[in-house]
Amino acid sequence: MTSPALLAEFGRVLTEKFEWEPSSAEAAVRQVVQVSTVVRPLKRIEVIADDPDDDRVLEAADEGGADVIISGDRHLTHLGTWGEIRIERVSSFLKRLG
């Protein structure tokens, strides 16, 4: 699942960090929208002081009723859990899947 804030961040990272052409980044965002559930979080969360943008992940997970967040972001993975939501590294998740 994702949210408008996370989609905007994804597009920004593709263009600014990875230097994608804006049209290619927009196409990638559209593809994510097609295969995802887009939630619109109603509750603002402030947990990760070092990187408040990561709070948007928690907001989407909370709004969507997620059981787990899969991430490589150290601010998120450092939490381990948030409420009832497990936070796992990609490698750990894939190992569990076999």
PDB file of N, CA and C in Angstrom:
ATOM      1  N   MET A   1       0.840  -1.167   0.000  1.00  0.00           N
ATOM      2  CA  MET A   1       0.000   0.000   0.000  1.00  0.00           C
ATOM      3  C   MET A   1       0.889   1.236   0.000  1.00  0.00           C
ATOM      4  N   THR A   2       0.316   2.319  -0.418  1.00  0.00           N
ATOM      5  CA  THR A   2       1.059   3.566  -0.501  1.00  0.00           C
ATOM      6  C   THR A   2       0.086   4.720  -0.231  1.00  0.00           C
ATOM      7  N   SER A   3       0.602   5.922  -0.315  1.00  0.00           N
ATOM      8  CA  SER A   3      -0.218   7.120  -0.103  1.00  0.00           C
ATOM      9  C   SER A   3       0.252   8.207  -1.059  1.00  0.00           C
ATOM     10  N   PRO A   4      -0.549   9.247  -1.240  1.00  0.00           N
ATOM     11  CA  PRO A   4      -0.107  10.343  -2.106  1.00  0.00           C
ATOM     12  C   PRO A   4       1.252  10.924  -1.680  1.00  0.00           C
ATOM     13  N   ALA A   5       1.487  11.054  -0.375  1.00  0.00           N
ATOM     14  CA  ALA A   5       2.771  11.599   0.096  1.00  0.00           C
ATOM     15  C   ALA A   5       3.928  10.672  -0.270  1.00  0.00           C
ATOM     16  N   LEU A   6       3.722   9.368  -0.138  1.00  0.00           N
ATOM     17  CA  LEU A   6       4.784   8.415  -0.480  1.00  0.00           C
ATOM     18  C   LEU A   6       5.024   8.368  -1.988  1.00  0.00           C
ATOM     19  N   LEU A   7       3.970   8.484  -2.760  1.00  0.00           N
ATOM     20  CA  LEU A   7       4.121   8.513  -4.217  1.00  0.00           C
ATOM     21  C   LEU A   7       4.901   9.754  -4.659  1.00  0.00           C
ATOM     22  N   ALA A   8       4.614  10.886  -4.042  1.00  0.00           N
ATOM     23  CA  ALA A   8       5.346  12.115  -4.365  1.00  0.00           C
ATOM     24  C   ALA A   8       6.818  11.966  -4.009  1.00  0.00           C
ATOM     25  N   GLU A   9       7.095  11.369  -2.857  1.00  0.00           N
ATOM     26  CA  GLU A   9       8.483  11.148  -2.430  1.00  0.00           C
ATOM     27  C   GLU A   9       9.194  10.200  -3.388  1.00  0.00           C
ATOM     28  N   PHE A  10       8.516   9.152  -3.810  1.00  0.00           N
ATOM     29  CA  PHE A  10       9.078   8.202  -4.768  1.00  0.00           C
ATOM     30  C   PHE A  10       9.466   8.920  -6.062  1.00  0.00           C
ATOM     31  N   GLY A  11       8.572   9.721  -6.588  1.00  0.00           N
ATOM     32  CA  GLY A  11       8.868  10.475  -7.808  1.00  0.00           C
ATOM     33  C   GLY A  11      10.021  11.441  -7.623  1.00  0.00           C
ATOM     34  N   ARG A  12      10.059  12.104  -6.477  1.00  0.00           N
ATOM     35  CA  ARG A  12      11.149  13.046  -6.194  1.00  0.00           C
ATOM     36  C   ARG A  12      12.485  12.329  -6.131  1.00  0.00           C
ATOM     37  N   VAL A  13      12.540  11.201  -5.459  1.00  0.00           N
ATOM     38  CA  VAL A  13      13.797  10.450  -5.338  1.00  0.00           C
ATOM     39  C   VAL A  13      14.263   9.961  -6.710  1.00  0.00           C
ATOM     40  N   LEU A  14      13.346   9.482  -7.520  1.00  0.00           N
ATOM     41  CA  LEU A  14      13.734   9.012  -8.850  1.00  0.00           C
ATOM     42  C   LEU A  14      14.366  10.122  -9.680  1.00  0.00           C
ATOM     43  N   THR A  15      13.798  11.333  -9.600  1.00  0.00           N
ATOM     44  CA  THR A  15      14.337  12.427 -10.418  1.00  0.00           C
ATOM     45  C   THR A  15      15.562  13.082  -9.794  1.00  0.00           C
ATOM     46  N   GLU A  16      15.546  13.299  -8.483  1.00  0.00           N
ATOM     47  CA  GLU A  16      16.655  14.023  -7.853  1.00  0.00           C
ATOM     48  C   GLU A  16      17.850  13.129  -7.527  1.00  0.00           C
ATOM     49  N   LYS A  17      17.599  11.988  -6.953  1.00  0.00           N
ATOM     50  CA  LYS A  17      18.704  11.113  -6.524  1.00  0.00           C
ATOM     51  C   LYS A  17      19.215  10.237  -7.669  1.00  0.00           C
ATOM     52  N   PHE A  18      18.285   9.688  -8.454  1.00  0.00           N
ATOM     53  CA  PHE A  18      18.676   8.766  -9.514  1.00  0.00           C
ATOM     54  C   PHE A  18      18.689   9.416 -10.895  1.00  0.00           C
ATOM     55  N   GLU A  19      18.358  10.718 -10.933  1.00  0.00           N
ATOM     56  CA  GLU A  19      18.430  11.524 -12.144  1.00  0.00           C
ATOM     57  C   GLU A  19      17.596  10.978 -13.298  1.00  0.00           C
ATOM     58  N   TRP A  20      16.430  10.435 -12.973  1.00  0.00           N
ATOM     59  CA  TRP A  20      15.505   9.990 -14.012  1.00  0.00           C
ATOM     60  C   TRP A  20      14.886  11.211 -14.667  1.00  0.00           C
ATOM     61  N   GLU A  21      14.525  11.056 -15.909  1.00  0.00           N
ATOM     62  CA  GLU A  21      13.747  12.091 -16.588  1.00  0.00           C
ATOM     63  C   GLU A  21      12.390  12.183 -15.890  1.00  0.00           C
ATOM     64  N   PRO A  22      11.848  13.385 -15.730  1.00  0.00           N
ATOM     65  CA  PRO A  22      10.548  13.519 -15.067  1.00  0.00           C
ATOM     66  C   PRO A  22       9.458  12.628 -15.670  1.00  0.00           C
ATOM     67  N   SER A  23       9.436  12.504 -16.985  1.00  0.00           N
ATOM     68  CA  SER A  23       8.393  11.678 -17.612  1.00  0.00           C
ATOM     69  C   SER A  23       8.546  10.203 -17.234  1.00  0.00           C
ATOM     70  N   SER A  24       9.767   9.723 -17.099  1.00  0.00           N
ATOM     71  CA  SER A  24      10.000   8.341 -16.687  1.00  0.00           C
ATOM     72  C   SER A  24       9.606   8.134 -15.231  1.00  0.00           C
ATOM     73  N   ALA A  25       9.910   9.110 -14.383  1.00  0.00           N
ATOM     74  CA  ALA A  25       9.530   9.024 -12.975  1.00  0.00           C
ATOM     75  C   ALA A  25       8.005   9.018 -12.841  1.00  0.00           C
ATOM     76  N   GLU A  26       7.333   9.858 -13.611  1.00  0.00           N
ATOM     77  CA  GLU A  26       5.869   9.895 -13.578  1.00  0.00           C
ATOM     78  C   GLU A  26       5.277   8.561 -14.023  1.00  0.00           C
ATOM     79  N   ALA A  27       5.884   7.946 -15.042  1.00  0.00           N
ATOM     80  CA  ALA A  27       5.411   6.644 -15.516  1.00  0.00           C
ATOM     81  C   ALA A  27       5.594   5.583 -14.427  1.00  0.00           C
ATOM     82  N   ALA A  28       6.717   5.633 -13.714  1.00  0.00           N
ATOM     83  CA  ALA A  28       6.958   4.677 -12.630  1.00  0.00           C
ATOM     84  C   ALA A  28       5.944   4.865 -11.505  1.00  0.00           C
ATOM     85  N   VAL A  29       5.645   6.105 -11.166  1.00  0.00           N
ATOM     86  CA  VAL A  29       4.648   6.395 -10.130  1.00  0.00           C
ATOM     87  C   VAL A  29       3.280   5.855 -10.564  1.00  0.00           C
ATOM     88  N   ARG A  30       2.917   6.060 -11.821  1.00  0.00           N
ATOM     89  CA  ARG A  30       1.631   5.544 -12.325  1.00  0.00           C
ATOM     90  C   ARG A  30       1.574   4.019 -12.231  1.00  0.00           C
ATOM     91  N   GLN A  31       2.699   3.356 -12.509  1.00  0.00           N
ATOM     92  CA  GLN A  31       2.729   1.891 -12.409  1.00  0.00           C
ATOM     93  C   GLN A  31       2.528   1.437 -10.969  1.00  0.00           C
ATOM     94  N   VAL A  32       3.149   2.132 -10.030  1.00  0.00           N
ATOM     95  CA  VAL A  32       2.965   1.786  -8.615  1.00  0.00           C
ATOM     96  C   VAL A  32       1.504   1.965  -8.225  1.00  0.00           C
ATOM     97  N   VAL A  33       0.885   3.027  -8.679  1.00  0.00           N
ATOM     98  CA  VAL A  33      -0.532   3.272  -8.379  1.00  0.00           C
ATOM     99  C   VAL A  33      -1.395   2.121  -8.907  1.00  0.00           C
ATOM    100  N   GLN A  34      -1.066   1.602 -10.080  1.00  0.00           N
ATOM    101  CA  GLN A  34      -1.862   0.528 -10.685  1.00  0.00           C
ATOM    102  C   GLN A  34      -1.804  -0.766  -9.884  1.00  0.00           C
ATOM    103  N   VAL A  35      -0.695  -1.028  -9.204  1.00  0.00           N
ATOM    104  CA  VAL A  35      -0.543  -2.308  -8.498  1.00  0.00           C
ATOM    105  C   VAL A  35      -0.669  -2.159  -6.982  1.00  0.00           C
ATOM    106  N   SER A  36      -0.992  -0.981  -6.513  1.00  0.00           N
ATOM    107  CA  SER A  36      -1.051  -0.716  -5.072  1.00  0.00           C
ATOM    108  C   SER A  36      -2.435  -0.276  -4.636  1.00  0.00           C
ATOM    109  N   THR A  37      -2.637  -0.365  -3.351  1.00  0.00           N
ATOM    110  CA  THR A  37      -3.779   0.266  -2.721  1.00  0.00           C
ATOM    111  C   THR A  37      -3.292   1.625  -2.230  1.00  0.00           C
ATOM    112  N   VAL A  38      -3.939   2.674  -2.680  1.00  0.00           N
ATOM    113  CA  VAL A  38      -3.556   4.028  -2.265  1.00  0.00           C
ATOM    114  C   VAL A  38      -4.499   4.453  -1.142  1.00  0.00           C
ATOM    115  N   VAL A  39      -3.904   4.717   0.023  1.00  0.00           N
ATOM    116  CA  VAL A  39      -4.687   5.175   1.165  1.00  0.00           C
ATOM    117  C   VAL A  39      -4.432   6.660   1.386  1.00  0.00           C
ATOM    118  N   ARG A  40      -5.366   7.299   2.012  1.00  0.00           N
ATOM    119  CA  ARG A  40      -5.241   8.715   2.341  1.00  0.00           C
ATOM    120  C   ARG A  40      -5.309   8.839   3.859  1.00  0.00           C
ATOM    121  N   PRO A  41      -4.130   8.810   4.497  1.00  0.00           N
ATOM    122  CA  PRO A  41      -4.110   8.836   5.967  1.00  0.00           C
ATOM    123  C   PRO A  41      -4.814  10.055   6.544  1.00  0.00           C
ATOM    124  N   LEU A  42      -5.612   9.789   7.557  1.00  0.00           N
ATOM    125  CA  LEU A  42      -6.351  10.855   8.238  1.00  0.00           C
ATOM    126  C   LEU A  42      -5.604  11.353   9.469  1.00  0.00           C
ATOM    127  N   LYS A  43      -4.743  10.493  10.009  1.00  0.00           N
ATOM    128  CA  LYS A  43      -4.028  10.812  11.248  1.00  0.00           C
ATOM    129  C   LYS A  43      -2.574  11.169  10.933  1.00  0.00           C
ATOM    130  N   ARG A  44      -2.103  12.272  11.486  1.00  0.00           N
ATOM    131  CA  ARG A  44      -0.705  12.697  11.336  1.00  0.00           C
ATOM    132  C   ARG A  44       0.106  12.038  12.441  1.00  0.00           C
ATOM    133  N   ILE A  45       1.206  11.396  12.075  1.00  0.00           N
ATOM    134  CA  ILE A  45       2.058  10.687  13.025  1.00  0.00           C
ATOM    135  C   ILE A  45       3.410  11.374  13.084  1.00  0.00           C
ATOM    136  N   GLU A  46       3.929  11.547  14.291  1.00  0.00           N
ATOM    137  CA  GLU A  46       5.248  12.143  14.496  1.00  0.00           C
ATOM    138  C   GLU A  46       6.026  11.249  15.451  1.00  0.00           C
ATOM    139  N   VAL A  47       6.783  10.316  14.880  1.00  0.00           N
ATOM    140  CA  VAL A  47       7.540   9.341  15.664  1.00  0.00           C
ATOM    141  C   VAL A  47       9.034   9.441  15.390  1.00  0.00           C
ATOM    142  N   ILE A  48       9.407   9.652  14.135  1.00  0.00           N
ATOM    143  CA  ILE A  48      10.807   9.588  13.719  1.00  0.00           C
ATOM    144  C   ILE A  48      11.358  11.007  13.570  1.00  0.00           C
ATOM    145  N   ALA A  49      11.927  11.513  14.633  1.00  0.00           N
ATOM    146  CA  ALA A  49      12.415  12.898  14.660  1.00  0.00           C
ATOM    147  C   ALA A  49      13.568  13.121  13.682  1.00  0.00           C
ATOM    148  N   ASP A  50      14.432  12.109  13.494  1.00  0.00           N
ATOM    149  CA  ASP A  50      15.591  12.268  12.610  1.00  0.00           C
ATOM    150  C   ASP A  50      15.221  12.348  11.135  1.00  0.00           C
ATOM    151  N   ASP A  51      14.060  11.827  10.760  1.00  0.00           N
ATOM    152  CA  ASP A  51      13.620  11.865   9.363  1.00  0.00           C
ATOM    153  C   ASP A  51      12.092  11.834   9.319  1.00  0.00           C
ATOM    154  N   PRO A  52      11.462  12.977   9.547  1.00  0.00           N
ATOM    155  CA  PRO A  52       9.997  13.029   9.605  1.00  0.00           C
ATOM    156  C   PRO A  52       9.292  12.494   8.358  1.00  0.00           C
ATOM    157  N   ASP A  53       9.964  12.499   7.206  1.00  0.00           N
ATOM    158  CA  ASP A  53       9.343  11.934   6.003  1.00  0.00           C
ATOM    159  C   ASP A  53       9.029  10.452   6.190  1.00  0.00           C
ATOM    160  N   ASP A  54       9.806   9.766   7.030  1.00  0.00           N
ATOM    161  CA  ASP A  54       9.552   8.345   7.288  1.00  0.00           C
ATOM    162  C   ASP A  54       8.249   8.135   8.054  1.00  0.00           C
ATOM    163  N   ASP A  55       7.777   9.162   8.732  1.00  0.00           N
ATOM    164  CA  ASP A  55       6.490   9.066   9.408  1.00  0.00           C
ATOM    165  C   ASP A  55       5.349   8.837   8.411  1.00  0.00           C
ATOM    166  N   ARG A  56       5.529   9.281   7.163  1.00  0.00           N
ATOM    167  CA  ARG A  56       4.501   9.068   6.148  1.00  0.00           C
ATOM    168  C   ARG A  56       4.293   7.574   5.889  1.00  0.00           C
ATOM    169  N   VAL A  57       5.356   6.773   6.019  1.00  0.00           N
ATOM    170  CA  VAL A  57       5.245   5.318   5.863  1.00  0.00           C
ATOM    171  C   VAL A  57       4.376   4.760   6.984  1.00  0.00           C
ATOM    172  N   LEU A  58       4.620   5.216   8.201  1.00  0.00           N
ATOM    173  CA  LEU A  58       3.823   4.759   9.341  1.00  0.00           C
ATOM    174  C   LEU A  58       2.359   5.166   9.187  1.00  0.00           C
ATOM    175  N   GLU A  59       2.130   6.367   8.690  1.00  0.00           N
ATOM    176  CA  GLU A  59       0.759   6.834   8.483  1.00  0.00           C
ATOM    177  C   GLU A  59       0.019   5.949   7.484  1.00  0.00           C
ATOM    178  N   ALA A  60       0.679   5.627   6.370  1.00  0.00           N
ATOM    179  CA  ALA A  60       0.048   4.784   5.351  1.00  0.00           C
ATOM    180  C   ALA A  60      -0.212   3.383   5.896  1.00  0.00           C
ATOM    181  N   ALA A  61       0.765   2.835   6.604  1.00  0.00           N
ATOM    182  CA  ALA A  61       0.608   1.491   7.168  1.00  0.00           C
ATOM    183  C   ALA A  61      -0.533   1.464   8.181  1.00  0.00           C
ATOM    184  N   ASP A  62      -0.624   2.493   8.997  1.00  0.00           N
ATOM    185  CA  ASP A  62      -1.685   2.581   9.996  1.00  0.00           C
ATOM    186  C   ASP A  62      -3.051   2.693   9.324  1.00  0.00           C
ATOM    187  N   GLU A  63      -3.166   3.589   8.377  1.00  0.00           N
ATOM    188  CA  GLU A  63      -4.439   3.807   7.689  1.00  0.00           C
ATOM    189  C   GLU A  63      -4.888   2.558   6.927  1.00  0.00           C
ATOM    190  N   GLY A  64      -3.918   1.844   6.352  1.00  0.00           N
ATOM    191  CA  GLY A  64      -4.243   0.666   5.557  1.00  0.00           C
ATOM    192  C   GLY A  64      -4.359  -0.620   6.354  1.00  0.00           C
ATOM    193  N   GLY A  65      -4.098  -0.561   7.649  1.00  0.00           N
ATOM    194  CA  GLY A  65      -4.191  -1.761   8.477  1.00  0.00           C
ATOM    195  C   GLY A  65      -3.114  -2.786   8.178  1.00  0.00           C
ATOM    196  N   ALA A  66      -1.910  -2.329   7.879  1.00  0.00           N
ATOM    197  CA  ALA A  66      -0.809  -3.234   7.535  1.00  0.00           C
ATOM    198  C   ALA A  66      -0.385  -4.080   8.731  1.00  0.00           C
ATOM    199  N   ASP A  67       0.070  -5.284   8.440  1.00  0.00           N
ATOM    200  CA  ASP A  67       0.648  -6.168   9.450  1.00  0.00           C
ATOM    201  C   ASP A  67       2.151  -6.005   9.532  1.00  0.00           C
ATOM    202  N   VAL A  68       2.753  -5.623   8.402  1.00  0.00           N
ATOM    203  CA  VAL A  68       4.206  -5.530   8.332  1.00  0.00           C
ATOM    204  C   VAL A  68       4.602  -4.417   7.364  1.00  0.00           C
ATOM    205  N   ILE A  69       5.713  -3.772   7.667  1.00  0.00           N
ATOM    206  CA  ILE A  69       6.358  -2.811   6.773  1.00  0.00           C
ATOM    207  C   ILE A  69       7.676  -3.448   6.376  1.00  0.00           C
ATOM    208  N   ILE A  70       7.932  -3.543   5.077  1.00  0.00           N
ATOM    209  CA  ILE A  70       9.195  -4.063   4.572  1.00  0.00           C
ATOM    210  C   ILE A  70       9.990  -2.858   4.088  1.00  0.00           C
ATOM    211  N   SER A  71      11.185  -2.660   4.665  1.00  0.00           N
ATOM    212  CA  SER A  71      11.948  -1.452   4.348  1.00  0.00           C
ATOM    213  C   SER A  71      13.433  -1.670   4.538  1.00  0.00           C
ATOM    214  N   GLY A  72      14.208  -0.896   3.831  1.00  0.00           N
ATOM    215  CA  GLY A  72      15.649  -0.851   4.037  1.00  0.00           C
ATOM    216  C   GLY A  72      16.054   0.418   4.778  1.00  0.00           C
ATOM    217  N   ASP A  73      15.082   1.235   5.117  1.00  0.00           N
ATOM    218  CA  ASP A  73      15.360   2.505   5.792  1.00  0.00           C
ATOM    219  C   ASP A  73      15.712   2.258   7.253  1.00  0.00           C
ATOM    220  N   ARG A  74      16.874   2.728   7.653  1.00  0.00           N
ATOM    221  CA  ARG A  74      17.365   2.446   9.007  1.00  0.00           C
ATOM    222  C   ARG A  74      16.497   3.076  10.099  1.00  0.00           C
ATOM    223  N   HIS A  75      15.897   4.221   9.814  1.00  0.00           N
ATOM    224  CA  HIS A  75      15.031   4.846  10.824  1.00  0.00           C
ATOM    225  C   HIS A  75      13.818   3.963  11.119  1.00  0.00           C
ATOM    226  N   LEU A  76      13.271   3.357  10.078  1.00  0.00           N
ATOM    227  CA  LEU A  76      12.124   2.477  10.263  1.00  0.00           C
ATOM    228  C   LEU A  76      12.537   1.140  10.859  1.00  0.00           C
ATOM    229  N   THR A  77      13.577   0.522  10.294  1.00  0.00           N
ATOM    230  CA  THR A  77      13.968  -0.808  10.770  1.00  0.00           C
ATOM    231  C   THR A  77      14.475  -0.762  12.206  1.00  0.00           C
ATOM    232  N   HIS A  78      15.028   0.372  12.618  1.00  0.00           N
ATOM    233  CA  HIS A  78      15.493   0.522  14.001  1.00  0.00           C
ATOM    234  C   HIS A  78      14.329   0.390  14.988  1.00  0.00           C
ATOM    235  N   LEU A  79      13.133   0.778  14.562  1.00  0.00           N
ATOM    236  CA  LEU A  79      11.959   0.666  15.432  1.00  0.00           C
ATOM    237  C   LEU A  79      11.619  -0.799  15.726  1.00  0.00           C
ATOM    238  N   GLY A  80      11.791  -1.675  14.724  1.00  0.00           N
ATOM    239  CA  GLY A  80      11.465  -3.092  14.901  1.00  0.00           C
ATOM    240  C   GLY A  80       9.970  -3.359  14.837  1.00  0.00           C
ATOM    241  N   THR A  81       9.217  -2.623  15.607  1.00  0.00           N
ATOM    242  CA  THR A  81       7.756  -2.665  15.543  1.00  0.00           C
ATOM    243  C   THR A  81       7.254  -1.257  15.832  1.00  0.00           C
ATOM    244  N   TRP A  82       6.049  -1.022  15.391  1.00  0.00           N
ATOM    245  CA  TRP A  82       5.368   0.221  15.728  1.00  0.00           C
ATOM    246  C   TRP A  82       3.911  -0.159  15.951  1.00  0.00           C
ATOM    247  N   GLY A  83       3.494  -0.048  17.185  1.00  0.00           N
ATOM    248  CA  GLY A  83       2.163  -0.543  17.535  1.00  0.00           C
ATOM    249  C   GLY A  83       2.125  -2.041  17.291  1.00  0.00           C
ATOM    250  N   GLU A  84       1.165  -2.488  16.515  1.00  0.00           N
ATOM    251  CA  GLU A  84       1.031  -3.908  16.173  1.00  0.00           C
ATOM    252  C   GLU A  84       1.734  -4.258  14.860  1.00  0.00           C
ATOM    253  N   ILE A  85       2.382  -3.284  14.236  1.00  0.00           N
ATOM    254  CA  ILE A  85       2.980  -3.480  12.916  1.00  0.00           C
ATOM    255  C   ILE A  85       4.464  -3.850  13.055  1.00  0.00           C
ATOM    256  N   ARG A  86       4.835  -5.001  12.491  1.00  0.00           N
ATOM    257  CA  ARG A  86       6.239  -5.421  12.440  1.00  0.00           C
ATOM    258  C   ARG A  86       6.953  -4.627  11.351  1.00  0.00           C
ATOM    259  N   ILE A  87       8.203  -4.303  11.592  1.00  0.00           N
ATOM    260  CA  ILE A  87       9.011  -3.623  10.583  1.00  0.00           C
ATOM    261  C   ILE A  87      10.228  -4.493  10.336  1.00  0.00           C
ATOM    262  N   GLU A  88      10.374  -4.965   9.087  1.00  0.00           N
ATOM    263  CA  GLU A  88      11.437  -5.896   8.731  1.00  0.00           C
ATOM    264  C   GLU A  88      12.281  -5.362   7.586  1.00  0.00           C
ATOM    265  N   ARG A  89      13.534  -5.780   7.609  1.00  0.00           N
ATOM    266  CA  ARG A  89      14.410  -5.516   6.467  1.00  0.00           C
ATOM    267  C   ARG A  89      13.973  -6.410   5.313  1.00  0.00           C
ATOM    268  N   VAL A  90      14.240  -5.977   4.098  1.00  0.00           N
ATOM    269  CA  VAL A  90      13.886  -6.744   2.910  1.00  0.00           C
ATOM    270  C   VAL A  90      14.527  -8.126   2.972  1.00  0.00           C
ATOM    271  N   SER A  91      15.801  -8.188   3.337  1.00  0.00           N
ATOM    272  CA  SER A  91      16.517  -9.471   3.366  1.00  0.00           C
ATOM    273  C   SER A  91      15.887 -10.440   4.361  1.00  0.00           C
ATOM    274  N   SER A  92      15.485  -9.974   5.526  1.00  0.00           N
ATOM    275  CA  SER A  92      14.841 -10.830   6.531  1.00  0.00           C
ATOM    276  C   SER A  92      13.505 -11.344   6.014  1.00  0.00           C
ATOM    277  N   PHE A  93      12.753 -10.479   5.389  1.00  0.00           N
ATOM    278  CA  PHE A  93      11.446 -10.863   4.858  1.00  0.00           C
ATOM    279  C   PHE A  93      11.606 -11.936   3.790  1.00  0.00           C
ATOM    280  N   LEU A  94      12.540 -11.742   2.882  1.00  0.00           N
ATOM    281  CA  LEU A  94      12.759 -12.726   1.806  1.00  0.00           C
ATOM    282  C   LEU A  94      13.250 -14.052   2.356  1.00  0.00           C
ATOM    283  N   LYS A  95      14.090 -14.012   3.386  1.00  0.00           N
ATOM    284  CA  LYS A  95      14.550 -15.251   4.026  1.00  0.00           C
ATOM    285  C   LYS A  95      13.381 -16.030   4.602  1.00  0.00           C
ATOM    286  N   ARG A  96      12.495 -15.337   5.273  1.00  0.00           N
ATOM    287  CA  ARG A  96      11.322 -15.990   5.863  1.00  0.00           C
ATOM    288  C   ARG A  96      10.435 -16.618   4.799  1.00  0.00           C
ATOM    289  N   LEU A  97      10.375 -15.996   3.629  1.00  0.00           N
ATOM    290  CA  LEU A  97       9.556 -16.539   2.548  1.00  0.00           C
ATOM    291  C   LEU A  97      10.178 -17.783   1.929  1.00  0.00           C
ATOM    292  N   GLY A  98      11.501 -17.916   2.130  1.00  0.00           N
ATOM    293  CA  GLY A  98      12.198 -19.104   1.605  1.00  0.00           C
ATOM    294  C   GLY A  98      12.642 -18.866   0.217  1.00  0.00           C
TER     295      GLY A  98
END
